[in-house]
PDB file of N, CA and C in Angstrom:
ATOM      1  N   MET A   1     223.674  53.689  87.234  1.00  0.00           N
ATOM      2  CA  MET A   1     223.944  54.511  86.076  1.00  0.00           C
ATOM      3  C   MET A   1     223.286  53.937  84.825  1.00  0.00           C
ATOM      4  N   ARG A   2     223.428  52.616  84.656  1.00  0.00           N
ATOM      5  CA  ARG A   2     222.827  51.978  83.482  1.00  0.00           C
ATOM      6  C   ARG A   2     221.304  52.007  83.575  1.00  0.00           C
ATOM      7  N   LEU A   3     220.776  51.844  84.793  1.00  0.00           N
ATOM      8  CA  LEU A   3     219.334  51.872  84.990  1.00  0.00           C
ATOM      9  C   LEU A   3     218.773  53.249  84.661  1.00  0.00           C
ATOM     10  N   LEU A   4     219.467  54.276  85.087  1.00  0.00           N
ATOM     11  CA  LEU A   4     219.027  55.638  84.800  1.00  0.00           C
ATOM     12  C   LEU A   4     219.018  55.908  83.301  1.00  0.00           C
ATOM     13  N   ARG A   5     220.046  55.469  82.597  1.00  0.00           N
ATOM     14  CA  ARG A   5     220.104  55.638  81.155  1.00  0.00           C
ATOM     15  C   ARG A   5     218.998  54.855  80.459  1.00  0.00           C
ATOM     16  N   ALA A   6     218.717  53.642  80.952  1.00  0.00           N
ATOM     17  CA  ALA A   6     217.648  52.825  80.367  1.00  0.00           C
ATOM     18  C   ALA A   6     216.287  53.458  80.594  1.00  0.00           C
ATOM     19  N   LEU A   7     216.077  54.042  81.765  1.00  0.00           N
ATOM     20  CA  LEU A   7     214.810  54.713  82.045  1.00  0.00           C
ATOM     21  C   LEU A   7     214.625  55.967  81.198  1.00  0.00           C
ATOM     22  N   LYS A   8     215.723  56.651  80.911  1.00  0.00           N
ATOM     23  CA  LYS A   8     215.641  57.828  80.048  1.00  0.00           C
ATOM     24  C   LYS A   8     215.267  57.455  78.612  1.00  0.00           C
ATOM     25  N   GLN A   9     215.765  56.315  78.155  1.00  0.00           N
ATOM     26  CA  GLN A   9     215.518  55.887  76.780  1.00  0.00           C
ATOM     27  C   GLN A   9     214.225  55.096  76.621  1.00  0.00           C
ATOM     28  N   ALA A  10     213.548  54.749  77.710  1.00  0.00           N
ATOM     29  CA  ALA A  10     212.352  53.903  77.642  1.00  0.00           C
ATOM     30  C   ALA A  10     211.228  54.508  76.795  1.00  0.00           C
ATOM     31  N   PRO A  11     210.848  55.781  76.966  1.00  0.00           N
ATOM     32  CA  PRO A  11     209.772  56.315  76.121  1.00  0.00           C
ATOM     33  C   PRO A  11     210.093  56.266  74.632  1.00  0.00           C
ATOM     34  N   ARG A  12     211.357  56.540  74.292  1.00  0.00           N
ATOM     35  CA  ARG A  12     211.757  56.499  72.887  1.00  0.00           C
ATOM     36  C   ARG A  12     211.678  55.081  72.338  1.00  0.00           C
ATOM     37  N   ARG A  13     212.116  54.121  73.125  1.00  0.00           N
ATOM     38  CA  ARG A  13     212.066  52.724  72.678  1.00  0.00           C
ATOM     39  C   ARG A  13     210.641  52.226  72.543  1.00  0.00           C
ATOM     40  N   ILE A  14     209.770  52.639  73.457  1.00  0.00           N
ATOM     41  CA  ILE A  14     208.367  52.255  73.367  1.00  0.00           C
ATOM     42  C   ILE A  14     207.737  52.857  72.121  1.00  0.00           C
ATOM     43  N   ALA A  15     208.040  54.114  71.833  1.00  0.00           N
ATOM     44  CA  ALA A  15     207.496  54.763  70.637  1.00  0.00           C
ATOM     45  C   ALA A  15     207.975  54.073  69.372  1.00  0.00           C
ATOM     46  N   ILE A  16     209.229  53.653  69.345  1.00  0.00           N
ATOM     47  CA  ILE A  16     209.762  52.953  68.177  1.00  0.00           C
ATOM     48  C   ILE A  16     209.087  51.596  68.013  1.00  0.00           C
ATOM     49  N   ALA A  17     208.821  50.912  69.127  1.00  0.00           N
ATOM     50  CA  ALA A  17     208.188  49.596  69.061  1.00  0.00           C
ATOM     51  C   ALA A  17     206.716  49.690  68.664  1.00  0.00           C
ATOM     52  N   LEU A  18     206.044  50.758  69.057  1.00  0.00           N
ATOM     53  CA  LEU A  18     204.620  50.894  68.751  1.00  0.00           C
ATOM     54  C   LEU A  18     204.343  51.470  67.367  1.00  0.00           C
ATOM     55  N   ALA A  19     205.313  52.046  66.723  1.00  0.00           N
ATOM     56  CA  ALA A  19     205.097  52.702  65.435  1.00  0.00           C
ATOM     57  C   ALA A  19     204.521  51.766  64.368  1.00  0.00           C
ATOM     58  N   PRO A  20     205.029  50.544  64.176  1.00  0.00           N
ATOM     59  CA  PRO A  20     204.412  49.678  63.169  1.00  0.00           C
ATOM     60  C   PRO A  20     202.980  49.289  63.499  1.00  0.00           C
ATOM     61  N   ILE A  21     202.681  49.130  64.781  1.00  0.00           N
ATOM     62  CA  ILE A  21     201.314  48.795  65.188  1.00  0.00           C
ATOM     63  C   ILE A  21     200.384  49.963  64.897  1.00  0.00           C
ATOM     64  N   LEU A  22     200.842  51.175  65.180  1.00  0.00           N
ATOM     65  CA  LEU A  22     200.024  52.355  64.898  1.00  0.00           C
ATOM     66  C   LEU A  22     199.813  52.558  63.405  1.00  0.00           C
ATOM     67  N   ARG A  23     200.833  52.273  62.595  1.00  0.00           N
ATOM     68  CA  ARG A  23     200.658  52.384  61.138  1.00  0.00           C
ATOM     69  C   ARG A  23     199.656  51.355  60.627  1.00  0.00           C
ATOM     70  N   PHE A  24     199.696  50.138  61.176  1.00  0.00           N
ATOM     71  CA  PHE A  24     198.733  49.111  60.777  1.00  0.00           C
ATOM     72  C   PHE A  24     197.322  49.513  61.189  1.00  0.00           C
ATOM     73  N   MET A  25     197.178  50.015  62.425  1.00  0.00           N
ATOM     74  CA  MET A  25     195.858  50.465  62.877  1.00  0.00           C
ATOM     75  C   MET A  25     195.350  51.612  62.010  1.00  0.00           C
ATOM     76  N   SER A  26     196.238  52.485  61.586  1.00  0.00           N
ATOM     77  CA  SER A  26     195.851  53.591  60.718  1.00  0.00           C
ATOM     78  C   SER A  26     195.303  53.077  59.389  1.00  0.00           C
ATOM     79  N   ALA A  27     195.988  52.089  58.814  1.00  0.00           N
ATOM     80  CA  ALA A  27     195.523  51.528  57.542  1.00  0.00           C
ATOM     81  C   ALA A  27     194.179  50.834  57.705  1.00  0.00           C
ATOM     82  N   ALA A  28     194.008  50.082  58.794  1.00  0.00           N
ATOM     83  CA  ALA A  28     192.745  49.379  59.023  1.00  0.00           C
ATOM     84  C   ALA A  28     191.600  50.361  59.259  1.00  0.00           C
ATOM     85  N   LEU A  29     191.842  51.408  60.041  1.00  0.00           N
ATOM     86  CA  LEU A  29     190.804  52.407  60.293  1.00  0.00           C
ATOM     87  C   LEU A  29     190.461  53.191  59.034  1.00  0.00           C
ATOM     88  N   LEU A  30     191.460  53.466  58.207  1.00  0.00           N
ATOM     89  CA  LEU A  30     191.194  54.166  56.954  1.00  0.00           C
ATOM     90  C   LEU A  30     190.368  53.291  56.006  1.00  0.00           C
ATOM     91  N   LEU A  31     190.665  52.011  55.975  1.00  0.00           N
ATOM     92  CA  LEU A  31     189.876  51.092  55.163  1.00  0.00           C
ATOM     93  C   LEU A  31     188.432  51.054  55.643  1.00  0.00           C
ATOM     94  N   LEU A  32     188.243  51.006  56.954  1.00  0.00           N
ATOM     95  CA  LEU A  32     186.894  51.014  57.513  1.00  0.00           C
ATOM     96  C   LEU A  32     186.172  52.317  57.183  1.00  0.00           C
ATOM     97  N   ALA A  33     186.877  53.435  57.233  1.00  0.00           N
ATOM     98  CA  ALA A  33     186.273  54.727  56.905  1.00  0.00           C
ATOM     99  C   ALA A  33     185.826  54.769  55.447  1.00  0.00           C
ATOM    100  N   VAL A  34     186.634  54.231  54.551  1.00  0.00           N
ATOM    101  CA  VAL A  34     186.267  54.216  53.127  1.00  0.00           C
ATOM    102  C   VAL A  34     185.057  53.319  52.906  1.00  0.00           C
ATOM    103  N   VAL A  35     185.023  52.158  53.547  1.00  0.00           N
ATOM    104  CA  VAL A  35     183.882  51.248  53.405  1.00  0.00           C
ATOM    105  C   VAL A  35     182.608  51.907  53.926  1.00  0.00           C
ATOM    106  N   LEU A  36     182.680  52.576  55.065  1.00  0.00           N
ATOM    107  CA  LEU A  36     181.503  53.251  55.612  1.00  0.00           C
ATOM    108  C   LEU A  36     181.068  54.424  54.742  1.00  0.00           C
ATOM    109  N   PHE A  37     182.023  55.127  54.134  1.00  0.00           N
ATOM    110  CA  PHE A  37     181.673  56.223  53.237  1.00  0.00           C
ATOM    111  C   PHE A  37     180.941  55.702  52.001  1.00  0.00           C
ATOM    112  N   VAL A  38     181.468  54.641  51.415  1.00  0.00           N
ATOM    113  CA  VAL A  38     180.823  54.067  50.227  1.00  0.00           C
ATOM    114  C   VAL A  38     179.451  53.501  50.584  1.00  0.00           C
ATOM    115  N   ALA A  39     179.344  52.869  51.734  1.00  0.00           N
ATOM    116  CA  ALA A  39     178.041  52.330  52.161  1.00  0.00           C
ATOM    117  C   ALA A  39     177.037  53.460  52.368  1.00  0.00           C
ATOM    118  N   GLY A  40     177.490  54.572  52.912  1.00  0.00           N
ATOM    119  CA  GLY A  40     176.594  55.714  53.086  1.00  0.00           C
ATOM    120  C   GLY A  40     176.187  56.343  51.777  1.00  0.00           C
ATOM    121  N   MET A  41     177.084  56.378  50.805  1.00  0.00           N
ATOM    122  CA  MET A  41     176.749  56.958  49.505  1.00  0.00           C
ATOM    123  C   MET A  41     175.789  56.087  48.718  1.00  0.00           C
ATOM    124  N   THR A  42     175.842  54.776  48.899  1.00  0.00           N
ATOM    125  CA  THR A  42     174.950  53.889  48.159  1.00  0.00           C
ATOM    126  C   THR A  42     173.561  53.841  48.769  1.00  0.00           C
ATOM    127  N   GLN A  43     173.394  54.344  49.983  1.00  0.00           N
ATOM    128  CA  GLN A  43     172.075  54.368  50.628  1.00  0.00           C
ATOM    129  C   GLN A  43     171.454  55.755  50.492  1.00  0.00           C
ATOM    130  N   ASP A  44     171.260  56.206  49.291  1.00  0.00           N
ATOM    131  CA  ASP A  44     170.651  57.494  48.983  1.00  0.00           C
ATOM    132  C   ASP A  44     171.404  58.673  49.592  1.00  0.00           C
ATOM    133  N   GLY A  45     172.693  58.526  49.778  1.00  0.00           N
ATOM    134  CA  GLY A  45     173.515  59.614  50.296  1.00  0.00           C
ATOM    135  C   GLY A  45     173.321  59.899  51.766  1.00  0.00           C
ATOM    136  N   LEU A  46     172.703  58.982  52.505  1.00  0.00           N
ATOM    137  CA  LEU A  46     172.495  59.177  53.942  1.00  0.00           C
ATOM    138  C   LEU A  46     173.667  58.582  54.710  1.00  0.00           C
ATOM    139  N   HIS A  47     174.416  59.426  55.376  1.00  0.00           N
ATOM    140  CA  HIS A  47     175.542  58.955  56.167  1.00  0.00           C
ATOM    141  C   HIS A  47     175.077  58.781  57.602  1.00  0.00           C
ATOM    142  N   THR A  48     175.168  57.576  58.097  1.00  0.00           N
ATOM    143  CA  THR A  48     174.693  57.242  59.428  1.00  0.00           C
ATOM    144  C   THR A  48     175.722  57.658  60.480  1.00  0.00           C
ATOM    145  N   SER A  49     175.227  58.095  61.626  1.00  0.00           N
ATOM    146  CA  SER A  49     176.141  58.495  62.694  1.00  0.00           C
ATOM    147  C   SER A  49     176.791  57.262  63.311  1.00  0.00           C
ATOM    148  N   THR A  50     177.874  57.505  64.020  1.00  0.00           N
ATOM    149  CA  THR A  50     178.591  56.419  64.665  1.00  0.00           C
ATOM    150  C   THR A  50     177.722  55.771  65.738  1.00  0.00           C
ATOM    151  N   ALA A  51     176.960  56.576  66.466  1.00  0.00           N
ATOM    152  CA  ALA A  51     176.087  56.036  67.511  1.00  0.00           C
ATOM    153  C   ALA A  51     175.019  55.128  66.912  1.00  0.00           C
ATOM    154  N   ALA A  52     174.466  55.493  65.766  1.00  0.00           N
ATOM    155  CA  ALA A  52     173.443  54.658  65.132  1.00  0.00           C
ATOM    156  C   ALA A  52     174.032  53.329  64.659  1.00  0.00           C
ATOM    157  N   HIS A  53     175.231  53.385  64.084  1.00  0.00           N
ATOM    158  CA  HIS A  53     175.900  52.142  63.674  1.00  0.00           C
ATOM    159  C   HIS A  53     176.155  51.253  64.887  1.00  0.00           C
ATOM    160  N   TRP A  54     176.634  51.858  65.963  1.00  0.00           N
ATOM    161  CA  TRP A  54     176.973  51.095  67.159  1.00  0.00           C
ATOM    162  C   TRP A  54     175.721  50.477  67.774  1.00  0.00           C
ATOM    163  N   GLN A  55     174.628  51.224  67.781  1.00  0.00           N
ATOM    164  CA  GLN A  55     173.385  50.691  68.345  1.00  0.00           C
ATOM    165  C   GLN A  55     172.806  49.585  67.477  1.00  0.00           C
ATOM    166  N   GLN A  56     173.045  49.623  66.180  1.00  0.00           N
ATOM    167  CA  GLN A  56     172.583  48.531  65.312  1.00  0.00           C
ATOM    168  C   GLN A  56     173.405  47.273  65.531  1.00  0.00           C
ATOM    169  N   VAL A  57     174.715  47.433  65.717  1.00  0.00           N
ATOM    170  CA  VAL A  57     175.603  46.280  65.852  1.00  0.00           C
ATOM    171  C   VAL A  57     175.500  45.668  67.242  1.00  0.00           C
ATOM    172  N   SER A  58     175.603  46.491  68.288  1.00  0.00           N
ATOM    173  CA  SER A  58     175.613  45.971  69.657  1.00  0.00           C
ATOM    174  C   SER A  58     174.996  46.989  70.614  1.00  0.00           C
ATOM    175  N   PRO A  59     173.669  46.970  70.748  1.00  0.00           N
ATOM    176  CA  PRO A  59     173.029  47.956  71.625  1.00  0.00           C
ATOM    177  C   PRO A  59     173.396  47.783  73.099  1.00  0.00           C
ATOM    178  N   SER A  60     173.685  46.565  73.522  1.00  0.00           N
ATOM    179  CA  SER A  60     174.015  46.357  74.940  1.00  0.00           C
ATOM    180  C   SER A  60     175.361  46.996  75.297  1.00  0.00           C
ATOM    181  N   SER A  61     176.353  46.919  74.402  1.00  0.00           N
ATOM    182  CA  SER A  61     177.643  47.538  74.712  1.00  0.00           C
ATOM    183  C   SER A  61     177.544  49.062  74.671  1.00  0.00           C
ATOM    184  N   PHE A  62     176.687  49.595  73.815  1.00  0.00           N
ATOM    185  CA  PHE A  62     176.483  51.040  73.776  1.00  0.00           C
ATOM    186  C   PHE A  62     175.868  51.528  75.078  1.00  0.00           C
ATOM    187  N   ASP A  63     174.857  50.808  75.561  1.00  0.00           N
ATOM    188  CA  ASP A  63     174.237  51.172  76.832  1.00  0.00           C
ATOM    189  C   ASP A  63     175.201  50.987  78.002  1.00  0.00           C
ATOM    190  N   ALA A  64     176.046  49.953  77.934  1.00  0.00           N
ATOM    191  CA  ALA A  64     177.035  49.734  78.993  1.00  0.00           C
ATOM    192  C   ALA A  64     178.052  50.873  79.019  1.00  0.00           C
ATOM    193  N   LEU A  65     178.473  51.355  77.853  1.00  0.00           N
ATOM    194  CA  LEU A  65     179.395  52.486  77.810  1.00  0.00           C
ATOM    195  C   LEU A  65     178.748  53.733  78.390  1.00  0.00           C
ATOM    196  N   LYS A  66     177.501  53.955  78.031  1.00  0.00           N
ATOM    197  CA  LYS A  66     176.781  55.129  78.543  1.00  0.00           C
ATOM    198  C   LYS A  66     176.681  55.077  80.065  1.00  0.00           C
ATOM    199  N   THR A  67     176.356  53.911  80.601  1.00  0.00           N
ATOM    200  CA  THR A  67     176.240  53.754  82.048  1.00  0.00           C
ATOM    201  C   THR A  67     177.595  53.919  82.727  1.00  0.00           C
ATOM    202  N   ALA A  68     178.625  53.298  82.167  1.00  0.00           N
ATOM    203  CA  ALA A  68     179.954  53.364  82.779  1.00  0.00           C
ATOM    204  C   ALA A  68     180.498  54.787  82.782  1.00  0.00           C
ATOM    205  N   VAL A  69     180.338  55.497  81.675  1.00  0.00           N
ATOM    206  CA  VAL A  69     180.833  56.875  81.606  1.00  0.00           C
ATOM    207  C   VAL A  69     180.047  57.770  82.556  1.00  0.00           C
ATOM    208  N   SER A  70     178.747  57.578  82.620  1.00  0.00           N
ATOM    209  CA  SER A  70     177.922  58.398  83.506  1.00  0.00           C
ATOM    210  C   SER A  70     178.268  58.168  84.972  1.00  0.00           C
ATOM    211  N   GLN A  71     178.561  56.920  85.336  1.00  0.00           N
ATOM    212  CA  GLN A  71     178.864  56.619  86.737  1.00  0.00           C
ATOM    213  C   GLN A  71     180.288  57.000  87.121  1.00  0.00           C
ATOM    214  N   ARG A  72     181.243  56.726  86.260  1.00  0.00           N
ATOM    215  CA  ARG A  72     182.654  56.938  86.641  1.00  0.00           C
ATOM    216  C   ARG A  72     183.135  58.359  86.405  1.00  0.00           C
ATOM    217  N   ILE A  73     182.776  58.934  85.265  1.00  0.00           N
ATOM    218  CA  ILE A  73     183.265  60.282  84.965  1.00  0.00           C
ATOM    219  C   ILE A  73     182.200  61.319  85.304  1.00  0.00           C
ATOM    220  N   GLY A  74     180.981  61.073  84.871  1.00  0.00           N
ATOM    221  CA  GLY A  74     179.887  61.996  85.151  1.00  0.00           C
ATOM    222  C   GLY A  74     178.997  62.148  83.935  1.00  0.00           C
ATOM    223  N   VAL A  75     177.773  62.540  84.196  1.00  0.00           N
ATOM    224  CA  VAL A  75     176.803  62.725  83.115  1.00  0.00           C
ATOM    225  C   VAL A  75     177.225  63.881  82.217  1.00  0.00           C
ATOM    226  N   TRP A  76     177.923  64.851  82.791  1.00  0.00           N
ATOM    227  CA  TRP A  76     178.372  66.007  82.009  1.00  0.00           C
ATOM    228  C   TRP A  76     179.313  65.598  80.877  1.00  0.00           C
ATOM    229  N   PHE A  77     180.060  64.503  81.044  1.00  0.00           N
ATOM    230  CA  PHE A  77     180.978  64.066  79.996  1.00  0.00           C
ATOM    231  C   PHE A  77     180.234  63.306  78.903  1.00  0.00           C
ATOM    232  N   TRP A  78     179.194  62.573  79.270  1.00  0.00           N
ATOM    233  CA  TRP A  78     178.455  61.804  78.265  1.00  0.00           C
ATOM    234  C   TRP A  78     177.647  62.720  77.368  1.00  0.00           C
ATOM    235  N   ASP A  79     176.841  63.602  77.996  1.00  0.00           N
ATOM    236  CA  ASP A  79     175.878  64.350  77.190  1.00  0.00           C
ATOM    237  C   ASP A  79     176.521  65.364  76.257  1.00  0.00           C
ATOM    238  N   PRO A  80     177.309  66.326  76.690  1.00  0.00           N
ATOM    239  CA  PRO A  80     177.799  67.243  75.661  1.00  0.00           C
ATOM    240  C   PRO A  80     179.005  66.727  74.877  1.00  0.00           C
ATOM    241  N   VAL A  81     179.868  65.917  75.511  1.00  0.00           N
ATOM    242  CA  VAL A  81     181.128  65.560  74.848  1.00  0.00           C
ATOM    243  C   VAL A  81     180.973  64.316  73.976  1.00  0.00           C
ATOM    244  N   LEU A  82     180.757  63.170  74.611  1.00  0.00           N
ATOM    245  CA  LEU A  82     180.719  61.920  73.844  1.00  0.00           C
ATOM    246  C   LEU A  82     179.505  61.812  72.934  1.00  0.00           C
ATOM    247  N   LYS A  83     178.384  62.338  73.374  1.00  0.00           N
ATOM    248  CA  LYS A  83     177.179  62.271  72.540  1.00  0.00           C
ATOM    249  C   LYS A  83     177.380  63.048  71.235  1.00  0.00           C
ATOM    250  N   ASN A  84     178.003  64.214  71.322  1.00  0.00           N
ATOM    251  CA  ASN A  84     178.272  64.997  70.114  1.00  0.00           C
ATOM    252  C   ASN A  84     179.356  64.350  69.254  1.00  0.00           C
ATOM    253  N   LEU A  85     180.334  63.709  69.884  1.00  0.00           N
ATOM    254  CA  LEU A  85     181.383  63.030  69.136  1.00  0.00           C
ATOM    255  C   LEU A  85     180.824  61.825  68.383  1.00  0.00           C
ATOM    256  N   LEU A  86     179.943  61.080  69.038  1.00  0.00           N
ATOM    257  CA  LEU A  86     179.344  59.913  68.391  1.00  0.00           C
ATOM    258  C   LEU A  86     178.247  60.287  67.400  1.00  0.00           C
ATOM    259  N   ALA A  87     177.832  61.541  67.394  1.00  0.00           N
ATOM    260  CA  ALA A  87     176.842  61.993  66.411  1.00  0.00           C
ATOM    261  C   ALA A  87     177.483  62.269  65.051  1.00  0.00           C
ATOM    262  N   LEU A  88     178.816  62.315  64.994  1.00  0.00           N
ATOM    263  CA  LEU A  88     179.507  62.512  63.715  1.00  0.00           C
ATOM    264  C   LEU A  88     179.262  61.311  62.806  1.00  0.00           C
ATOM    265  N   PRO A  89     179.303  61.519  61.500  1.00  0.00           N
ATOM    266  CA  PRO A  89     179.210  60.358  60.601  1.00  0.00           C
ATOM    267  C   PRO A  89     180.346  59.380  60.886  1.00  0.00           C
ATOM    268  N   ALA A  90     180.055  58.101  60.751  1.00  0.00           N
ATOM    269  CA  ALA A  90     181.014  57.064  61.126  1.00  0.00           C
ATOM    270  C   ALA A  90     182.293  57.162  60.304  1.00  0.00           C
ATOM    271  N   TYR A  91     182.169  57.463  59.012  1.00  0.00           N
ATOM    272  CA  TYR A  91     183.368  57.539  58.174  1.00  0.00           C
ATOM    273  C   TYR A  91     184.275  58.683  58.617  1.00  0.00           C
ATOM    274  N   LEU A  92     183.691  59.778  59.078  1.00  0.00           N
ATOM    275  CA  LEU A  92     184.480  60.921  59.513  1.00  0.00           C
ATOM    276  C   LEU A  92     185.227  60.604  60.810  1.00  0.00           C
ATOM    277  N   LEU A  93     184.554  59.974  61.751  1.00  0.00           N
ATOM    278  CA  LEU A  93     185.195  59.638  63.017  1.00  0.00           C
ATOM    279  C   LEU A  93     186.324  58.636  62.819  1.00  0.00           C
ATOM    280  N   PHE A  94     186.088  57.587  62.020  1.00  0.00           N
ATOM    281  CA  PHE A  94     187.138  56.605  61.784  1.00  0.00           C
ATOM    282  C   PHE A  94     188.263  57.182  60.925  1.00  0.00           C
ATOM    283  N   GLY A  95     187.950  58.095  60.038  1.00  0.00           N
ATOM    284  CA  GLY A  95     188.989  58.764  59.266  1.00  0.00           C
ATOM    285  C   GLY A  95     189.882  59.631  60.145  1.00  0.00           C
ATOM    286  N   LEU A  96     189.281  60.326  61.118  1.00  0.00           N
ATOM    287  CA  LEU A  96     190.075  61.125  62.051  1.00  0.00           C
ATOM    288  C   LEU A  96     190.945  60.246  62.938  1.00  0.00           C
ATOM    289  N   LEU A  97     190.402  59.116  63.380  1.00  0.00           N
ATOM    290  CA  LEU A  97     191.209  58.180  64.175  1.00  0.00           C
ATOM    291  C   LEU A  97     192.370  57.621  63.348  1.00  0.00           C
ATOM    292  N   ALA A  98     192.121  57.349  62.068  1.00  0.00           N
ATOM    293  CA  ALA A  98     193.188  56.865  61.188  1.00  0.00           C
ATOM    294  C   ALA A  98     194.267  57.930  61.024  1.00  0.00           C
ATOM    295  N   LEU A  99     193.866  59.174  60.911  1.00  0.00           N
ATOM    296  CA  LEU A  99     194.830  60.263  60.784  1.00  0.00           C
ATOM    297  C   LEU A  99     195.689  60.394  62.040  1.00  0.00           C
ATOM    298  N   VAL A 100     195.069  60.314  63.202  1.00  0.00           N
ATOM    299  CA  VAL A 100     195.804  60.419  64.464  1.00  0.00           C
ATOM    300  C   VAL A 100     196.790  59.258  64.609  1.00  0.00           C
ATOM    301  N   CYS A 101     196.335  58.031  64.312  1.00  0.00           N
ATOM    302  CA  CYS A 101     197.232  56.872  64.406  1.00  0.00           C
ATOM    303  C   CYS A 101     198.355  56.971  63.371  1.00  0.00           C
ATOM    304  N   GLY A 102     198.059  57.467  62.183  1.00  0.00           N
ATOM    305  CA  GLY A 102     199.077  57.616  61.150  1.00  0.00           C
ATOM    306  C   GLY A 102     200.139  58.628  61.520  1.00  0.00           C
ATOM    307  N   ILE A 103     199.724  59.727  62.122  1.00  0.00           N
ATOM    308  CA  ILE A 103     200.692  60.736  62.544  1.00  0.00           C
ATOM    309  C   ILE A 103     201.536  60.220  63.706  1.00  0.00           C
ATOM    310  N   ALA A 104     200.896  59.532  64.651  1.00  0.00           N
ATOM    311  CA  ALA A 104     201.634  59.015  65.807  1.00  0.00           C
ATOM    312  C   ALA A 104     202.613  57.913  65.413  1.00  0.00           C
ATOM    313  N   GLY A 105     202.292  57.151  64.362  1.00  0.00           N
ATOM    314  CA  GLY A 105     203.145  56.039  63.983  1.00  0.00           C
ATOM    315  C   GLY A 105     204.038  56.293  62.797  1.00  0.00           C
ATOM    316  N   ARG A 106     204.147  57.545  62.378  1.00  0.00           N
ATOM    317  CA  ARG A 106     204.957  57.824  61.189  1.00  0.00           C
ATOM    318  C   ARG A 106     206.433  57.552  61.463  1.00  0.00           C
ATOM    319  N   ARG A 107     207.156  57.335  60.408  1.00  0.00           N
ATOM    320  CA  ARG A 107     208.601  57.107  60.532  1.00  0.00           C
ATOM    321  C   ARG A 107     209.286  58.443  60.774  1.00  0.00           C
ATOM    322  N   ARG A 108     210.108  58.462  61.772  1.00  0.00           N
ATOM    323  CA  ARG A 108     210.821  59.688  62.111  1.00  0.00           C
ATOM    324  C   ARG A 108     212.070  59.798  61.260  1.00  0.00           C
ATOM    325  N   ARG A 109     212.385  60.991  60.860  1.00  0.00           N
ATOM    326  CA  ARG A 109     213.569  61.252  60.081  1.00  0.00           C
ATOM    327  C   ARG A 109     214.732  61.514  61.035  1.00  0.00           C
ATOM    328  N   VAL A 110     215.828  60.884  60.813  1.00  0.00           N
ATOM    329  CA  VAL A 110     217.003  61.095  61.643  1.00  0.00           C
ATOM    330  C   VAL A 110     217.763  62.291  61.087  1.00  0.00           C
ATOM    331  N   VAL A 111     217.987  63.267  61.948  1.00  0.00           N
ATOM    332  CA  VAL A 111     218.701  64.461  61.540  1.00  0.00           C
ATOM    333  C   VAL A 111     220.038  64.469  62.277  1.00  0.00           C
ATOM    334  N   ASN A 112     221.114  64.477  61.531  1.00  0.00           N
ATOM    335  CA  ASN A 112     222.441  64.558  62.116  1.00  0.00           C
ATOM    336  C   ASN A 112     222.912  66.011  62.060  1.00  0.00           C
ATOM    337  N   VAL A 113     223.147  66.547  63.219  1.00  0.00           N
ATOM    338  CA  VAL A 113     223.592  67.935  63.313  1.00  0.00           C
ATOM    339  C   VAL A 113     225.048  67.926  63.733  1.00  0.00           C
ATOM    340  N   PHE A 114     225.872  68.512  62.882  1.00  0.00           N
ATOM    341  CA  PHE A 114     227.296  68.593  63.166  1.00  0.00           C
ATOM    342  C   PHE A 114     227.679  70.049  63.370  1.00  0.00           C
ATOM    343  N   VAL A 115     228.252  70.322  64.502  1.00  0.00           N
ATOM    344  CA  VAL A 115     228.690  71.675  64.799  1.00  0.00           C
ATOM    345  C   VAL A 115     230.204  71.691  64.708  1.00  0.00           C
ATOM    346  N   ASN A 116     230.718  72.579  63.894  1.00  0.00           N
ATOM    347  CA  ASN A 116     232.165  72.669  63.728  1.00  0.00           C
ATOM    348  C   ASN A 116     232.757  73.724  64.608  1.00  0.00           C
TER     349      ASN A 116
END
């Protein structure tokens, strides 16, 4: 009985434990997005894509990701899906990730419902 109750509450407890980590990741990703936006604006207004940034920083890991995705999932997932996603400006992609992490890690409001 206690095990069943603990298993029912496990997803809620995990979500509560991960919320501060997700809020921190949201702040860090938002900071990175702002830095990339300012860097793009200072370079004659040219915003570099995420793939170009990644290839400048670590071309071997970019090629390894391309190979791994092509072999495990399929070429169809790399070319239309991930290639178009990585073609977005870096600040936009990291800003969207910050938004997703911020929403997932937000503080939940406790609502007490009393029925008379």
